[in-house]
Protein backbone atom coordinates (compact mmCIF):
# COMPACT_ATOMS: atom_id res chain seq x y z
CA MET A 1 1.90 -27.04 -5.87
CA ALA A 2 2.79 -23.91 -4.68
CA LYS A 3 5.24 -21.87 -6.52
CA ASN A 4 7.75 -18.71 -6.08
CA TYR A 5 7.36 -15.36 -8.61
CA ALA A 6 9.83 -12.43 -9.21
CA VAL A 7 7.28 -9.94 -9.84
CA THR A 8 7.97 -6.05 -11.16
CA LEU A 9 6.22 -3.51 -10.09
CA LYS A 10 6.81 -0.12 -11.31
CA CYS A 11 5.73 3.42 -9.54
CA PRO A 12 2.95 5.00 -11.10
CA ARG A 13 5.20 7.77 -11.63
CA GLY A 14 7.52 6.16 -13.78
CA ASP A 15 10.78 7.05 -11.34
CA SER A 16 11.86 3.48 -9.95
CA ASP A 17 11.30 -0.18 -10.54
CA ASP A 18 10.79 -2.84 -7.65
CA LEU A 19 11.41 -6.66 -7.29
CA LEU A 20 9.18 -8.27 -5.79
CA ILE A 21 10.08 -11.89 -4.49
CA LEU A 22 6.36 -13.86 -4.18
CA ARG A 23 7.40 -17.47 -1.93
CA ASN A 24 4.70 -20.32 -1.55
CA ARG A 25 2.45 -19.15 -3.61
CA GLU A 26 -1.04 -21.36 -4.92
CA GLU A 27 -1.89 -18.65 -7.41
CA THR A 28 -1.39 -19.15 -11.24
CA LEU A 29 1.10 -16.52 -13.04
CA GLU A 30 -1.87 -14.96 -14.63
CA GLN A 31 -3.29 -14.59 -11.54
CA ILE A 32 -0.21 -13.16 -9.99
CA LEU A 33 -0.34 -10.50 -13.22
CA ASN A 34 -3.23 -9.27 -12.90
CA ALA A 35 -3.37 -8.97 -9.09
CA THR A 36 -2.74 -5.38 -7.42
CA TRP A 37 0.11 -5.69 -4.85
CA HIS A 38 1.80 -3.19 -2.27
CA PHE A 39 5.67 -1.94 -2.58
CA GLU A 40 7.61 -0.06 -1.49
CA CYS A 41 9.07 2.98 -4.01
CA PRO A 42 12.10 4.66 -2.77
CA VAL A 43 11.10 7.92 -4.05
CA HIS A 44 7.67 8.06 -3.65
CA GLY A 45 7.14 6.03 -0.47
CA ALA A 46 4.11 2.81 -0.42
CA GLN A 47 2.68 2.37 -3.65
CA ARG A 48 -0.01 -0.27 -5.32
CA GLU A 49 -0.16 -1.51 -8.59
CA ILE A 50 -0.37 -3.97 -11.20
CA PRO A 51 2.42 -5.87 -12.18
CA VAL A 52 4.10 -4.93 -15.51
CA GLY A 53 6.22 -8.08 -15.57
CA VAL A 54 5.72 -11.49 -13.70
CA ARG A 55 8.34 -14.73 -14.18
CA GLU A 56 8.31 -17.94 -11.90
CA ILE A 57 11.43 -18.60 -10.46
CA GLY A 58 13.53 -21.18 -8.45
CA THR A 59 11.89 -24.95 -7.75
CA PRO A 60 8.41 -25.07 -6.78
CA ILE A 61 8.03 -25.68 -2.87
CA SER A 62 5.56 -28.67 -1.80
CA SER A 63 2.89 -27.66 0.62
CA GLU A 64 4.36 -30.19 2.65
CA ALA A 65 7.64 -28.84 3.29
CA GLN A 66 6.88 -25.58 4.33
CA PRO A 67 3.35 -25.52 6.27
CA LYS A 68 3.72 -21.47 7.02
CA ARG A 69 2.69 -19.43 4.17
CA VAL A 70 4.43 -16.71 3.42
CA THR A 71 2.91 -13.74 2.17
CA ALA A 72 4.06 -9.99 0.52
CA ARG A 73 0.98 -8.38 0.42
CA MET A 74 1.63 -5.18 2.64
CA PRO A 75 -1.73 -4.21 4.82
CA LYS A 76 -3.86 -1.77 2.99
CA ALA A 77 -2.37 1.52 2.17
CA SER A 78 -4.31 4.37 1.95
CA ARG A 79 -5.36 5.76 -1.43
CA ARG A 80 -3.04 8.70 -2.57
CA SER A 81 -5.88 10.41 -3.93
CA LYS A 82 -9.60 9.96 -3.68
CA ARG A 83 -11.29 8.04 -7.24
CA VAL A 84 -14.61 10.22 -8.38
CA SER A 85 -16.99 8.92 -10.75
CA LEU A 86 -16.53 11.57 -13.84
CA ARG A 87 -17.13 11.71 -17.34
CA VAL A 88 -14.95 13.54 -19.25
CA SER A 89 -14.51 13.19 -23.14
CA VAL A 90 -10.31 11.87 -24.02
CA VAL A 91 -8.41 11.02 -27.42
CA VAL A 92 -6.37 8.25 -26.55
CA TYR A 93 -3.63 7.81 -28.96
CA GLY A 94 -1.02 4.36 -29.24
CA GLN A 95 0.60 2.01 -30.59
CA ASN A 96 0.46 -1.81 -30.51
CA ARG A 97 2.11 -4.17 -32.45
CA SER A 98 -1.24 -6.15 -33.35
CA VAL A 99 -2.94 -3.22 -35.23
CA GLY A 100 -0.19 -0.39 -35.26
CA THR A 101 -1.44 2.75 -34.09
CA PHE A 102 -4.88 3.37 -32.72
CA ARG A 103 -6.77 6.39 -31.87
CA GLU A 104 -10.14 6.18 -29.56
CA GLU A 105 -12.35 9.07 -27.93
CA PRO A 106 -13.68 7.14 -24.99
CA SER A 107 -15.01 8.63 -21.68
CA THR A 108 -13.40 8.18 -18.58
CA ASN A 109 -15.32 6.44 -15.74
CA LEU A 110 -13.27 6.94 -12.72
CA VAL A 111 -10.70 9.71 -12.15
CA SER A 112 -7.96 10.47 -9.23
CA ALA A 113 -5.18 12.62 -9.39
CA TYR A 114 -3.24 10.15 -10.29
CA GLY A 115 -4.86 8.61 -13.57
CA GLY A 116 -7.95 7.44 -14.84
CA LEU A 117 -10.46 4.22 -15.94
CA VAL A 118 -11.40 4.44 -19.35
CA ALA A 119 -12.92 1.39 -21.91
CA LEU A 120 -11.07 0.73 -24.99
CA THR A 121 -11.69 -1.55 -28.08
CA ALA A 122 -7.74 -1.51 -29.33
CA ARG A 123 -5.46 -4.11 -27.68
CA VAL A 124 -3.41 -2.67 -25.16
CA ALA A 125 -0.80 -3.96 -22.55
CA VAL A 126 0.16 -3.33 -18.90
CA GLY A 127 3.09 -1.23 -18.84
CA GLU A 128 2.42 0.71 -22.48
CA THR A 129 2.92 3.96 -22.47
CA VAL A 130 -0.33 5.95 -24.45
CA LEU A 131 -1.43 9.47 -25.18
CA VAL A 132 -4.38 10.95 -23.44
CA VAL A 133 -6.04 14.54 -24.98
CA ASN A 134 -8.64 15.99 -22.46
CA LYS A 135 -10.98 17.13 -25.57
CA ALA A 136 -12.09 20.22 -23.16
CA THR A 137 -8.57 21.66 -22.58
CA GLN A 138 -6.49 20.63 -24.83
CA GLU A 139 -3.57 19.72 -22.27
CA GLU A 140 -1.85 16.33 -23.03
CA GLN A 141 -0.30 13.65 -20.82
CA GLU A 142 1.52 10.49 -21.40
CA CYS A 143 0.54 7.66 -19.24
CA ARG A 144 1.31 4.20 -18.61
CA VAL A 145 -1.29 1.50 -18.65
CA THR A 146 -1.19 -0.12 -15.37
CA TYR A 147 -4.53 -2.06 -15.47
CA VAL A 148 -6.51 -4.57 -18.10
CA HIS A 149 -9.77 -6.29 -17.77
CA SER A 150 -11.83 -7.77 -20.16
CA LEU A 151 -15.68 -6.27 -20.45
CA GLU A 152 -18.63 -7.51 -22.35
CA GLY A 153 -17.92 -7.34 -26.36
CA PRO A 154 -14.40 -6.28 -27.79
CA LYS A 155 -14.19 -3.47 -24.93
CA LYS A 156 -11.58 -3.63 -22.66
CA LYS A 157 -11.09 -1.60 -18.94
CA VAL A 158 -7.80 -0.09 -18.49
CA GLY A 159 -6.19 1.94 -16.01
CA LEU A 160 -4.18 4.96 -16.56
CA ALA A 161 -1.90 6.26 -14.16
CA LEU A 162 -0.26 9.62 -15.20
CA LEU A 163 3.41 9.84 -15.79
CA ARG A 164 3.58 13.73 -14.47
CA THR A 165 1.53 14.91 -11.62
CA SER A 166 -1.30 16.71 -12.51
CA PRO A 167 -4.30 16.88 -10.43
CA ASN A 168 -6.29 19.14 -12.75
CA PHE A 169 -5.97 17.47 -15.87
CA TRP A 170 -9.44 16.13 -15.48
CA GLY A 171 -10.94 19.47 -14.54
CA LEU A 172 -11.07 19.24 -10.85
CA ASN A 173 -8.76 20.21 -8.23
CA PHE A 174 -7.87 16.85 -6.16
CA PRO A 175 -6.63 17.40 -2.71
CA LEU A 176 -3.75 14.85 -2.42
CA SER A 177 -4.27 12.30 0.00
CA ILE A 178 -0.37 11.73 0.81
CA SER A 179 1.42 15.04 1.14
CA PRO A 180 5.63 15.79 1.31
CA LYS A 181 7.01 15.91 5.10
CA PRO A 182 6.94 19.25 6.68
CA ILE A 183 10.27 20.83 6.78
CA GLY A 184 9.65 23.19 9.65
CA SER A 185 6.13 25.03 10.85
CA ILE A 186 5.16 28.25 9.83
CA HIS A 187 3.21 30.29 12.58
CA GLY A 188 0.85 33.44 11.75
C-alpha cells in the first residue's frame, strides 16, 4: 500500500530548509530517509541532498484508488562541483549522545568544493554538525553530516558538507560548476 511522506531537506550551505511532500510512494520510511532528493533552495537554486527528517503523513493511498504514480524527483541536475578521489588527512571532532565527544583521524575518499567523504567509527546522524581540520593546512571547517552508510566492520561512510564555501579547503582549487549570474558583460 502506498504512503505519503513529508521530507525535510536542508541546503548544504545551511541557509534554507525545504519541505517536500511525496505522495503515493511504495518506499519504506528508511528508504526515503536514505535516498537523495532534488529540491529547490530559494537562495542557491537546485540542490540534491539526503533528508534531515522524514515523517509519514495523511492516510495511506491504495494503489487501486490512485493508478497514476506521482513522483517528486526532479530531473538529475549537474553537480555544483566536480568530485575528486583524493586522500586528505583530517581530524574530525564531534559530539553524540551515545559516547559524548569524539575525535577521529581519517583520510578523505572523495572531495569536492562543497564537502567530502570519510569513514568514521563514531556514531553520527544526518543533520549533525562536526568540525573538520585539514591536517596539512590546519584550516578548520564546520560541516553538516549529509550521508551515513554502513560499511563492513564498525566504520560508516560519512558524507560531509562544508557549511562555508571554501573551494581550496582540500588543497585543490576547485572550479565551481554553478557560478553567479553575470550582472553585465565586461569587454576588453
